[in-house]
N, C-alpha and C. Protein backbone atom coordinates (compact mmCIF):
# COMPACT_ATOMS: atom_id res chain seq x y z
N MET A 1 1.97 17.01 7.82
CA MET A 1 2.14 15.59 8.10
C MET A 1 3.25 15.11 7.29
N GLU A 2 4.28 14.48 7.83
CA GLU A 2 5.55 13.95 7.10
C GLU A 2 5.39 12.53 6.84
N TYR A 3 5.92 11.98 5.83
CA TYR A 3 5.94 10.55 5.49
C TYR A 3 7.38 10.09 5.44
N LYS A 4 8.10 9.77 6.64
CA LYS A 4 9.32 9.44 6.71
C LYS A 4 9.56 8.37 7.60
N LYS A 5 10.45 7.50 7.46
CA LYS A 5 10.76 6.40 8.54
C LYS A 5 10.79 6.75 9.87
N GLY A 6 10.20 6.21 10.84
CA GLY A 6 10.37 6.45 12.07
C GLY A 6 9.83 7.67 12.70
N LEU A 7 9.23 8.53 11.92
CA LEU A 7 8.67 9.80 12.37
C LEU A 7 7.23 9.67 13.20
N LEU A 8 7.08 10.13 14.32
CA LEU A 8 5.84 10.15 14.89
C LEU A 8 4.84 10.84 14.13
N ILE A 9 3.75 10.39 13.67
CA ILE A 9 2.81 10.90 12.82
C ILE A 9 1.68 11.64 13.74
N ASP A 10 0.91 10.92 14.34
CA ASP A 10 -0.17 11.42 15.18
C ASP A 10 -0.09 10.67 16.56
N GLY A 11 -0.16 11.28 17.78
CA GLY A 11 0.04 10.56 19.02
C GLY A 11 0.13 9.08 18.99
N GLY A 12 1.32 8.52 19.01
CA GLY A 12 1.49 7.08 19.25
C GLY A 12 1.53 6.49 18.02
N VAL A 13 1.62 6.98 16.87
CA VAL A 13 1.53 6.24 15.63
C VAL A 13 2.73 6.66 14.89
N THR A 14 3.57 5.58 14.38
CA THR A 14 4.63 5.86 13.68
C THR A 14 4.80 5.02 12.31
N ASN A 15 5.30 5.83 11.20
CA ASN A 15 5.42 5.04 9.84
C ASN A 15 6.68 4.28 9.95
N ILE A 16 6.66 2.97 9.75
CA ILE A 16 7.85 2.16 9.80
C ILE A 16 8.57 1.97 8.34
N LEU A 17 7.97 2.55 7.40
CA LEU A 17 8.46 2.49 6.04
C LEU A 17 9.77 3.41 5.98
N THR A 18 10.71 3.12 5.29
CA THR A 18 11.80 4.05 4.87
C THR A 18 11.22 5.35 3.98
N ALA A 19 11.93 6.38 3.92
CA ALA A 19 11.60 7.48 3.10
C ALA A 19 11.39 7.08 1.51
N ASN A 20 12.14 6.12 1.09
CA ASN A 20 11.92 5.87 -0.27
C ASN A 20 10.77 4.82 -0.48
N GLN A 21 10.60 3.97 0.43
CA GLN A 21 9.33 2.98 0.43
C GLN A 21 8.05 3.97 0.49
N SER A 22 8.08 5.00 1.31
CA SER A 22 6.93 5.76 1.41
C SER A 22 6.62 6.81 0.29
N SER A 23 7.87 7.31 -0.29
CA SER A 23 7.66 8.37 -1.21
C SER A 23 8.48 8.34 -2.69
N PHE A 24 9.16 7.26 -2.78
CA PHE A 24 9.78 6.87 -4.12
C PHE A 24 10.71 8.01 -4.49
N GLU A 25 11.48 8.65 -3.61
CA GLU A 25 12.29 9.58 -4.04
C GLU A 25 13.69 9.19 -4.64
N THR A 26 14.03 7.93 -4.50
CA THR A 26 15.14 7.55 -5.21
C THR A 26 14.90 6.33 -6.19
N SER A 27 13.68 5.66 -6.16
CA SER A 27 13.53 4.43 -7.01
C SER A 27 11.96 4.22 -6.76
N SER A 28 11.52 3.31 -7.75
CA SER A 28 10.30 2.75 -7.47
C SER A 28 10.31 1.25 -7.10
N VAL A 29 9.72 1.04 -5.88
CA VAL A 29 9.85 -0.30 -5.28
C VAL A 29 8.58 -0.98 -4.97
N ALA A 30 8.63 -2.36 -5.22
CA ALA A 30 7.44 -3.14 -4.93
C ALA A 30 8.02 -4.55 -4.70
N GLN A 31 7.30 -5.38 -3.93
CA GLN A 31 7.64 -6.88 -3.75
C GLN A 31 7.38 -7.44 -5.17
N THR A 32 6.17 -7.24 -5.75
CA THR A 32 5.78 -7.85 -6.96
C THR A 32 4.69 -6.87 -7.61
N ALA A 33 4.80 -6.96 -8.98
CA ALA A 33 3.77 -6.43 -9.76
C ALA A 33 3.25 -7.53 -10.60
N LYS A 34 1.95 -7.64 -10.68
CA LYS A 34 1.17 -8.66 -11.50
C LYS A 34 0.32 -8.11 -12.55
N ARG A 35 0.65 -8.31 -13.72
CA ARG A 35 0.03 -7.83 -14.91
C ARG A 35 0.07 -6.24 -14.99
N CYS A 36 1.10 -5.83 -14.27
CA CYS A 36 1.42 -4.23 -14.40
C CYS A 36 2.79 -4.08 -14.27
N THR A 37 3.35 -2.81 -14.58
CA THR A 37 4.80 -2.49 -14.33
C THR A 37 4.68 -1.12 -13.56
N HIS A 38 5.85 -0.74 -12.97
CA HIS A 38 5.86 0.40 -12.15
C HIS A 38 7.18 1.09 -12.38
N GLU A 39 7.15 2.40 -12.36
CA GLU A 39 8.30 3.05 -12.39
C GLU A 39 8.28 4.59 -11.59
N GLN A 40 9.37 5.02 -11.30
CA GLN A 40 9.38 6.28 -10.63
C GLN A 40 8.93 7.38 -11.43
N SER A 41 8.38 8.36 -11.05
CA SER A 41 7.64 9.42 -11.94
C SER A 41 7.61 10.85 -11.13
N ALA A 42 7.90 11.72 -12.10
CA ALA A 42 7.70 13.24 -11.57
C ALA A 42 6.41 13.80 -12.09
N GLU A 43 5.61 13.04 -12.82
CA GLU A 43 4.40 13.66 -13.30
C GLU A 43 3.28 14.08 -12.32
N TRP A 44 3.30 13.46 -11.23
CA TRP A 44 2.60 13.73 -10.12
C TRP A 44 3.04 13.27 -8.75
N SER A 45 3.19 14.07 -7.65
CA SER A 45 3.44 13.67 -6.37
C SER A 45 2.83 14.22 -5.26
N LYS A 46 2.38 13.72 -4.13
CA LYS A 46 1.71 14.26 -3.04
C LYS A 46 2.84 14.85 -2.15
N HIS A 47 3.95 14.10 -1.86
CA HIS A 47 4.99 14.47 -1.18
C HIS A 47 6.22 14.29 -1.76
N GLY A 48 7.26 15.20 -1.67
CA GLY A 48 8.46 15.30 -2.48
C GLY A 48 8.36 15.57 -3.87
N ASN A 49 9.24 14.94 -4.70
CA ASN A 49 9.25 15.19 -6.08
C ASN A 49 8.80 14.27 -6.96
N TYR A 50 8.70 12.93 -6.32
CA TYR A 50 8.29 11.74 -7.17
C TYR A 50 7.25 10.91 -6.59
N SER A 51 6.77 9.88 -7.40
CA SER A 51 5.73 9.14 -6.96
C SER A 51 6.06 7.75 -7.74
N GLN A 52 5.04 6.83 -7.60
CA GLN A 52 5.26 5.70 -8.35
C GLN A 52 4.06 5.57 -9.33
N LYS A 53 4.59 5.39 -10.60
CA LYS A 53 3.54 5.28 -11.53
C LYS A 53 3.41 3.72 -12.00
N VAL A 54 2.01 3.46 -11.97
CA VAL A 54 1.82 1.97 -12.23
C VAL A 54 1.05 1.92 -13.60
N ILE A 55 1.43 1.13 -14.60
CA ILE A 55 1.06 1.01 -15.69
C ILE A 55 0.34 -0.44 -15.96
N ARG A 56 -0.90 -0.51 -16.27
CA ARG A 56 -1.49 -1.72 -16.57
C ARG A 56 -0.94 -2.54 -17.96
N GLY A 57 -0.47 -3.78 -17.73
CA GLY A 57 0.03 -4.34 -18.79
C GLY A 57 -0.62 -5.71 -19.08
N GLU A 58 -0.20 -6.51 -19.88
CA GLU A 58 -0.69 -7.93 -20.18
C GLU A 58 -2.26 -7.89 -20.41
N ASP A 59 -2.64 -7.99 -21.65
CA ASP A 59 -4.04 -8.03 -21.85
C ASP A 59 -4.70 -9.46 -21.75
N GLU A 60 -4.60 -9.86 -20.42
CA GLU A 60 -5.14 -11.18 -20.26
C GLU A 60 -6.04 -11.22 -19.19
N MET A 61 -6.81 -12.32 -18.97
CA MET A 61 -7.88 -12.40 -17.83
C MET A 61 -7.05 -12.45 -16.58
N GLY A 62 -7.56 -11.81 -15.60
CA GLY A 62 -7.08 -11.81 -14.30
C GLY A 62 -6.76 -10.27 -13.64
N ASP A 63 -6.77 -10.21 -12.44
CA ASP A 63 -6.73 -8.93 -11.84
C ASP A 63 -5.20 -8.64 -11.80
N ALA A 64 -5.05 -7.34 -11.90
CA ALA A 64 -3.69 -6.66 -11.73
C ALA A 64 -3.50 -6.32 -10.29
N TYR A 65 -2.34 -6.41 -9.80
CA TYR A 65 -2.05 -5.97 -8.38
C TYR A 65 -0.59 -5.65 -8.26
N MET A 66 -0.47 -4.77 -7.21
CA MET A 66 0.83 -4.18 -6.74
C MET A 66 0.87 -5.00 -5.29
N TRP A 67 2.10 -5.46 -5.01
CA TRP A 67 2.19 -6.03 -3.58
C TRP A 67 3.55 -5.47 -3.03
N TYR A 68 3.47 -4.89 -1.66
CA TYR A 68 4.49 -4.40 -0.99
C TYR A 68 4.68 -5.08 0.27
N ARG A 69 5.96 -5.13 0.68
CA ARG A 69 6.38 -5.93 1.89
C ARG A 69 7.13 -4.91 2.71
N CYS A 70 6.91 -5.05 4.02
CA CYS A 70 7.59 -4.14 5.09
C CYS A 70 8.14 -5.07 6.19
N SER A 71 9.32 -5.07 6.31
CA SER A 71 10.03 -5.93 7.47
C SER A 71 9.42 -5.20 8.90
N ILE A 72 9.29 -6.14 9.55
CA ILE A 72 8.85 -5.93 11.03
C ILE A 72 9.66 -6.68 12.17
N VAL A 73 10.66 -7.42 11.53
CA VAL A 73 11.58 -8.20 12.34
C VAL A 73 12.29 -7.49 13.46
N GLU A 74 12.99 -6.42 12.98
CA GLU A 74 13.72 -5.52 13.99
C GLU A 74 13.09 -4.91 15.14
N GLN A 75 11.72 -4.53 14.91
CA GLN A 75 10.91 -3.99 15.99
C GLN A 75 10.49 -4.99 17.06
N GLY A 76 10.31 -6.25 16.66
CA GLY A 76 9.79 -7.15 17.74
C GLY A 76 8.41 -7.16 18.20
N PHE A 77 7.60 -6.71 17.38
CA PHE A 77 6.10 -6.51 17.78
C PHE A 77 5.59 -7.77 18.25
N GLU A 78 4.57 -7.56 19.36
CA GLU A 78 3.89 -8.67 20.00
C GLU A 78 2.75 -9.02 19.06
N ALA A 79 2.16 -10.22 19.32
CA ALA A 79 0.97 -10.41 18.71
C ALA A 79 -0.10 -9.56 19.16
N GLU A 80 -1.14 -9.24 18.29
CA GLU A 80 -2.26 -8.35 18.57
C GLU A 80 -1.84 -6.75 18.46
N THR A 81 -0.72 -6.69 17.89
CA THR A 81 -0.29 -5.16 17.77
C THR A 81 -1.06 -4.64 16.56
N PRO A 82 -1.73 -3.58 16.63
CA PRO A 82 -2.43 -3.04 15.45
C PRO A 82 -1.69 -2.32 14.52
N PHE A 83 -1.75 -2.57 13.28
CA PHE A 83 -1.07 -1.83 12.18
C PHE A 83 -2.22 -1.29 11.14
N VAL A 84 -1.87 -0.23 10.71
CA VAL A 84 -2.60 0.45 9.60
C VAL A 84 -1.62 0.69 8.39
N ALA A 85 -2.03 0.25 7.25
CA ALA A 85 -1.35 0.36 6.09
C ALA A 85 -2.29 1.37 5.19
N GLN A 86 -1.52 2.34 4.58
CA GLN A 86 -2.26 3.23 3.75
C GLN A 86 -1.51 3.80 2.57
N VAL A 87 -2.21 4.36 1.53
CA VAL A 87 -1.61 4.80 0.25
C VAL A 87 -2.43 5.97 -0.15
N VAL A 88 -1.64 6.71 -0.87
CA VAL A 88 -2.64 7.86 -1.58
C VAL A 88 -2.39 7.40 -3.01
N LEU A 89 -3.46 7.12 -3.75
CA LEU A 89 -3.60 6.86 -5.19
C LEU A 89 -4.17 7.82 -5.93
N TYR A 90 -3.48 8.28 -6.99
CA TYR A 90 -3.86 9.54 -7.71
C TYR A 90 -4.46 9.04 -9.16
N LEU A 91 -5.63 9.64 -9.60
CA LEU A 91 -6.16 9.29 -10.94
C LEU A 91 -6.16 10.58 -11.56
N PRO A 92 -5.56 10.76 -12.83
CA PRO A 92 -5.73 11.90 -13.63
C PRO A 92 -7.07 12.03 -14.35
N MET A 93 -7.39 13.13 -14.82
CA MET A 93 -8.53 13.47 -15.44
C MET A 93 -9.10 12.30 -16.48
N ASP A 94 -10.09 11.86 -16.63
CA ASP A 94 -10.70 10.88 -17.64
C ASP A 94 -9.98 9.66 -17.59
N ASN A 95 -9.42 9.23 -16.35
CA ASN A 95 -8.95 7.91 -16.27
C ASN A 95 -9.96 6.75 -16.22
N TRP A 96 -9.56 5.66 -16.75
CA TRP A 96 -10.42 4.41 -16.91
C TRP A 96 -10.93 3.92 -15.44
N TYR A 97 -9.99 4.04 -14.52
CA TYR A 97 -10.36 3.57 -13.18
C TYR A 97 -11.38 4.50 -12.44
N ILE A 98 -11.65 5.77 -12.87
CA ILE A 98 -12.66 6.47 -12.25
C ILE A 98 -14.02 5.92 -12.05
N GLY A 99 -14.61 5.86 -10.87
CA GLY A 99 -15.73 5.19 -10.63
C GLY A 99 -15.76 3.58 -10.56
N ARG A 100 -14.64 3.08 -10.62
CA ARG A 100 -14.44 1.58 -10.55
C ARG A 100 -13.79 1.24 -9.09
N ASP A 101 -14.04 0.08 -8.83
CA ASP A 101 -13.63 -0.37 -7.34
C ASP A 101 -12.17 -0.90 -7.51
N MET A 102 -11.41 -0.65 -6.34
CA MET A 102 -10.07 -1.18 -6.06
C MET A 102 -9.99 -1.70 -4.70
N THR A 103 -9.40 -2.62 -4.51
CA THR A 103 -9.19 -3.29 -3.07
C THR A 103 -7.85 -2.89 -2.69
N PHE A 104 -7.90 -2.70 -1.11
CA PHE A 104 -6.56 -2.49 -0.62
C PHE A 104 -6.53 -3.63 0.59
N ARG A 105 -5.54 -4.32 0.46
CA ARG A 105 -5.45 -5.52 1.39
C ARG A 105 -4.26 -5.61 2.20
N ILE A 106 -4.38 -5.95 3.52
CA ILE A 106 -3.14 -6.04 4.43
C ILE A 106 -2.99 -7.47 5.11
N ARG A 107 -1.89 -8.10 5.26
CA ARG A 107 -1.73 -9.21 6.02
C ARG A 107 -0.23 -9.47 6.51
N PHE A 108 -0.17 -10.39 7.35
CA PHE A 108 1.09 -10.73 8.07
C PHE A 108 1.59 -11.98 7.40
N ALA A 109 2.90 -12.11 7.27
CA ALA A 109 3.72 -13.17 6.76
C ALA A 109 4.94 -13.60 7.51
N GLY A 110 5.47 -14.69 7.17
CA GLY A 110 6.65 -15.09 7.73
C GLY A 110 6.46 -15.65 9.23
N GLY A 111 7.41 -16.27 9.88
CA GLY A 111 7.37 -16.84 11.11
C GLY A 111 6.94 -18.31 10.97
N ASN A 112 6.41 -18.80 11.98
CA ASN A 112 6.08 -20.38 11.94
C ASN A 112 4.82 -20.71 11.43
N ALA A 113 3.89 -19.71 11.12
CA ALA A 113 2.57 -20.14 10.53
C ALA A 113 2.41 -19.59 9.08
N GLU A 114 1.39 -20.17 8.49
CA GLU A 114 1.11 -19.50 7.09
C GLU A 114 0.74 -18.11 7.00
N SER A 115 0.86 -17.52 6.07
CA SER A 115 0.39 -15.93 6.13
C SER A 115 -1.07 -15.91 6.46
N SER A 116 -1.19 -14.84 7.13
CA SER A 116 -2.71 -14.65 7.77
C SER A 116 -3.57 -14.33 6.61
N ALA A 117 -4.94 -14.36 6.77
CA ALA A 117 -5.85 -14.04 5.87
C ALA A 117 -5.88 -12.50 5.53
N LEU A 118 -6.10 -12.18 4.30
CA LEU A 118 -6.12 -10.78 3.90
C LEU A 118 -7.33 -10.06 4.53
N THR A 119 -6.96 -9.01 5.18
CA THR A 119 -8.01 -8.05 5.55
C THR A 119 -8.23 -7.10 4.35
N THR A 120 -9.46 -6.96 3.84
CA THR A 120 -9.72 -6.21 2.61
C THR A 120 -10.74 -5.00 2.66
N LYS A 121 -10.40 -4.06 2.17
CA LYS A 121 -11.38 -2.90 2.00
C LYS A 121 -11.67 -2.54 0.66
N ILE A 122 -12.67 -2.19 0.16
CA ILE A 122 -13.00 -1.82 -1.23
C ILE A 122 -13.19 -0.31 -1.31
N PHE A 123 -12.54 0.23 -2.30
CA PHE A 123 -12.83 1.66 -2.45
C PHE A 123 -13.23 1.83 -3.85
N THR A 124 -14.16 2.82 -4.05
CA THR A 124 -14.68 3.34 -5.39
C THR A 124 -13.87 4.49 -5.60
N LEU A 125 -12.95 4.52 -6.81
CA LEU A 125 -12.03 5.57 -7.04
C LEU A 125 -12.68 6.71 -7.65
N THR A 126 -12.03 8.03 -7.27
CA THR A 126 -12.51 9.24 -7.86
C THR A 126 -11.26 9.91 -8.48
N GLN A 127 -11.76 10.86 -9.54
CA GLN A 127 -10.45 11.68 -10.04
C GLN A 127 -9.87 12.26 -8.98
N GLY A 128 -8.47 12.43 -9.05
CA GLY A 128 -7.70 13.04 -8.12
C GLY A 128 -7.21 12.11 -7.11
N GLU A 129 -7.03 12.65 -5.88
CA GLU A 129 -6.42 11.75 -4.78
C GLU A 129 -7.53 10.92 -3.98
N ASN A 130 -7.03 9.53 -3.97
CA ASN A 130 -7.78 8.61 -3.16
C ASN A 130 -6.91 8.01 -1.92
N LEU A 131 -7.43 7.99 -0.84
CA LEU A 131 -6.76 7.47 0.35
C LEU A 131 -7.24 6.09 0.42
N LEU A 132 -6.38 5.12 0.23
CA LEU A 132 -6.68 3.72 0.47
C LEU A 132 -6.03 3.27 1.72
N TRP A 133 -6.72 2.39 2.67
CA TRP A 133 -6.26 1.99 3.81
C TRP A 133 -6.81 0.62 4.34
N ALA A 134 -6.12 0.00 5.20
CA ALA A 134 -6.80 -1.27 5.78
C ALA A 134 -6.09 -1.45 7.26
N VAL A 135 -6.70 -1.84 8.23
CA VAL A 135 -6.28 -2.01 9.46
C VAL A 135 -6.38 -3.52 9.94
N ASP A 136 -5.40 -3.98 10.56
CA ASP A 136 -5.55 -5.41 11.17
C ASP A 136 -4.46 -5.49 12.25
N LYS A 137 -4.71 -6.46 13.16
CA LYS A 137 -3.68 -6.83 14.15
C LYS A 137 -2.84 -8.00 13.81
N SER A 138 -1.65 -7.87 14.19
CA SER A 138 -0.68 -9.05 13.82
C SER A 138 -1.28 -10.16 14.66
N ASP A 139 -1.11 -11.31 14.04
CA ASP A 139 -1.75 -12.64 14.60
C ASP A 139 -0.62 -13.39 15.30
N PHE A 140 0.72 -13.38 15.25
CA PHE A 140 1.46 -13.95 15.98
C PHE A 140 2.78 -13.00 16.12
N ALA A 141 3.65 -13.14 17.37
CA ALA A 141 4.66 -12.40 17.58
C ALA A 141 5.77 -12.71 16.75
N ASP A 142 6.06 -13.77 15.98
CA ASP A 142 7.23 -14.00 15.25
C ASP A 142 7.01 -13.73 13.67
N ARG A 143 5.85 -12.91 13.55
CA ARG A 143 5.78 -12.50 12.17
C ARG A 143 7.01 -11.59 11.71
N GLN A 144 7.30 -11.72 10.30
CA GLN A 144 8.48 -10.97 9.71
C GLN A 144 8.11 -9.85 8.97
N TRP A 145 6.85 -9.88 8.29
CA TRP A 145 6.50 -8.90 7.40
C TRP A 145 5.10 -8.34 7.65
N VAL A 146 4.79 -7.10 7.31
CA VAL A 146 3.55 -6.69 7.07
C VAL A 146 3.41 -6.55 5.45
N GLU A 147 2.49 -7.10 4.86
CA GLU A 147 2.34 -7.11 3.31
C GLU A 147 0.89 -6.22 3.15
N TYR A 148 1.04 -5.48 2.11
CA TYR A 148 -0.02 -4.91 1.55
C TYR A 148 -0.25 -4.69 0.19
N PHE A 149 -1.40 -4.69 -0.30
CA PHE A 149 -1.66 -4.95 -1.88
C PHE A 149 -2.66 -3.94 -2.27
N ILE A 150 -2.52 -3.45 -3.53
CA ILE A 150 -3.53 -2.62 -4.35
C ILE A 150 -3.91 -3.47 -5.41
N TRP A 151 -5.16 -3.68 -5.38
CA TRP A 151 -5.75 -4.96 -6.31
C TRP A 151 -6.95 -4.39 -7.16
N GLU A 152 -6.94 -4.58 -8.39
CA GLU A 152 -8.14 -4.56 -9.20
C GLU A 152 -9.03 -5.46 -8.67
N VAL A 153 -10.47 -5.07 -8.79
CA VAL A 153 -11.60 -5.96 -8.42
C VAL A 153 -12.33 -6.46 -9.63
N GLY A 154 -12.53 -7.88 -9.58
CA GLY A 154 -13.14 -8.50 -10.64
C GLY A 154 -12.62 -8.42 -11.96
N LEU A 155 -12.93 -9.50 -12.73
CA LEU A 155 -12.42 -9.76 -14.06
C LEU A 155 -13.16 -8.70 -15.04
N GLY A 156 -14.42 -8.37 -14.79
CA GLY A 156 -15.10 -7.37 -15.54
C GLY A 156 -14.49 -6.00 -15.46
N HIS A 157 -13.61 -5.76 -14.50
CA HIS A 157 -13.04 -4.29 -14.32
C HIS A 157 -11.59 -4.34 -14.85
N ARG A 158 -11.21 -5.15 -15.53
CA ARG A 158 -9.87 -5.26 -16.16
C ARG A 158 -9.52 -3.96 -16.87
N ALA A 159 -8.54 -3.27 -16.43
CA ALA A 159 -8.29 -2.01 -17.04
C ALA A 159 -7.43 -2.30 -18.47
N PRO A 160 -7.71 -1.43 -19.43
CA PRO A 160 -7.05 -1.49 -20.78
C PRO A 160 -5.52 -1.51 -20.55
N VAL A 161 -4.61 -2.07 -21.35
CA VAL A 161 -3.33 -2.10 -21.29
C VAL A 161 -2.93 -0.61 -21.51
N GLY A 162 -2.06 -0.15 -20.63
CA GLY A 162 -1.50 1.33 -20.77
C GLY A 162 -2.26 2.20 -19.74
N THR A 163 -3.15 1.74 -19.20
CA THR A 163 -3.94 2.43 -18.07
C THR A 163 -3.09 2.87 -16.93
N VAL A 164 -2.93 4.08 -16.45
CA VAL A 164 -2.02 4.43 -15.52
C VAL A 164 -2.67 4.85 -14.17
N TYR A 165 -2.09 4.76 -12.93
CA TYR A 165 -2.41 5.39 -11.75
C TYR A 165 -1.08 5.63 -11.18
N TYR A 166 -1.13 6.53 -10.04
CA TYR A 166 0.02 6.98 -9.27
C TYR A 166 -0.22 6.62 -7.96
N THR A 167 0.88 6.27 -7.09
CA THR A 167 0.67 6.10 -5.65
C THR A 167 1.94 7.06 -5.06
N ASP A 168 1.60 7.51 -3.87
CA ASP A 168 2.61 8.10 -3.10
C ASP A 168 2.05 7.93 -1.61
N CYS A 169 3.01 8.51 -0.69
CA CYS A 169 2.72 8.51 0.67
C CYS A 169 2.44 7.22 1.27
N HIS A 170 3.14 6.25 0.90
CA HIS A 170 2.65 4.80 1.55
C HIS A 170 3.13 4.88 3.05
N MET A 171 2.36 4.31 3.79
CA MET A 171 2.60 4.43 5.23
C MET A 171 2.16 3.02 5.81
N VAL A 172 2.82 2.51 6.73
CA VAL A 172 2.65 1.22 7.48
C VAL A 172 2.84 1.86 8.92
N GLU A 173 1.68 2.03 9.68
CA GLU A 173 1.74 2.70 11.02
C GLU A 173 1.39 1.67 12.04
N VAL A 174 2.10 1.81 13.17
CA VAL A 174 1.97 1.06 14.28
C VAL A 174 1.55 1.74 15.39
N ASN A 175 0.36 1.35 16.10
CA ASN A 175 -0.15 2.04 17.25
C ASN A 175 0.80 1.69 18.48
N THR A 176 1.40 2.57 18.97
CA THR A 176 2.58 2.24 19.95
C THR A 176 1.73 2.76 21.35
N GLU A 177 0.58 3.34 21.30
CA GLU A 177 0.00 3.68 22.54
C GLU A 177 -0.59 2.54 23.31
N THR A 178 -0.74 2.51 24.61
CA THR A 178 -1.45 1.60 25.25
C THR A 178 -2.68 2.29 25.86
N GLU A 179 -3.68 1.39 26.06
CA GLU A 179 -4.88 1.90 26.79
C GLU A 179 -4.71 2.54 28.08
N GLY A 180 -5.30 3.64 28.24
CA GLY A 180 -5.21 4.32 29.51
C GLY A 180 -4.18 5.50 29.66
N GLU A 181 -3.19 5.51 28.47
CA GLU A 181 -2.43 6.56 28.47
C GLU A 181 -3.09 7.83 28.24
């Protein structure tokens, strides 16, 4: 399975992220990092030579999160188009996040309406690779972005400063098949 822009992944599903947004081969990208920082890393990767290393910062109350945004303007998707966002999150041995919950959230933004509600899935993390994903349908045809978030769960789960995890193989997939095909 390849993780590149515009490549057909499985019958009728296409990753609309660029190769760098998916696999961080040229830099580390994110819309916003809250209470954490990120950088390109060669310490672990699922695909290619690099991944994104996320480092917990700021020893203050509140969850840390990474927020990513993917433009969907050029494609002109209709309302009710199903999208899947997913990320491979890697935890090294003895990592603080092992056994703790992380949420993965997806929503739609831009256009004439407020951002949609977040569709949220909770994942209990294990050592090694964790596949985080969420599915939702676009609510309006004039949406400009699909946004997805990796978010710590609850104030009691605040990771110590310097705790790391890695992400790679980011995908925003669109189901382009219609029923009956």
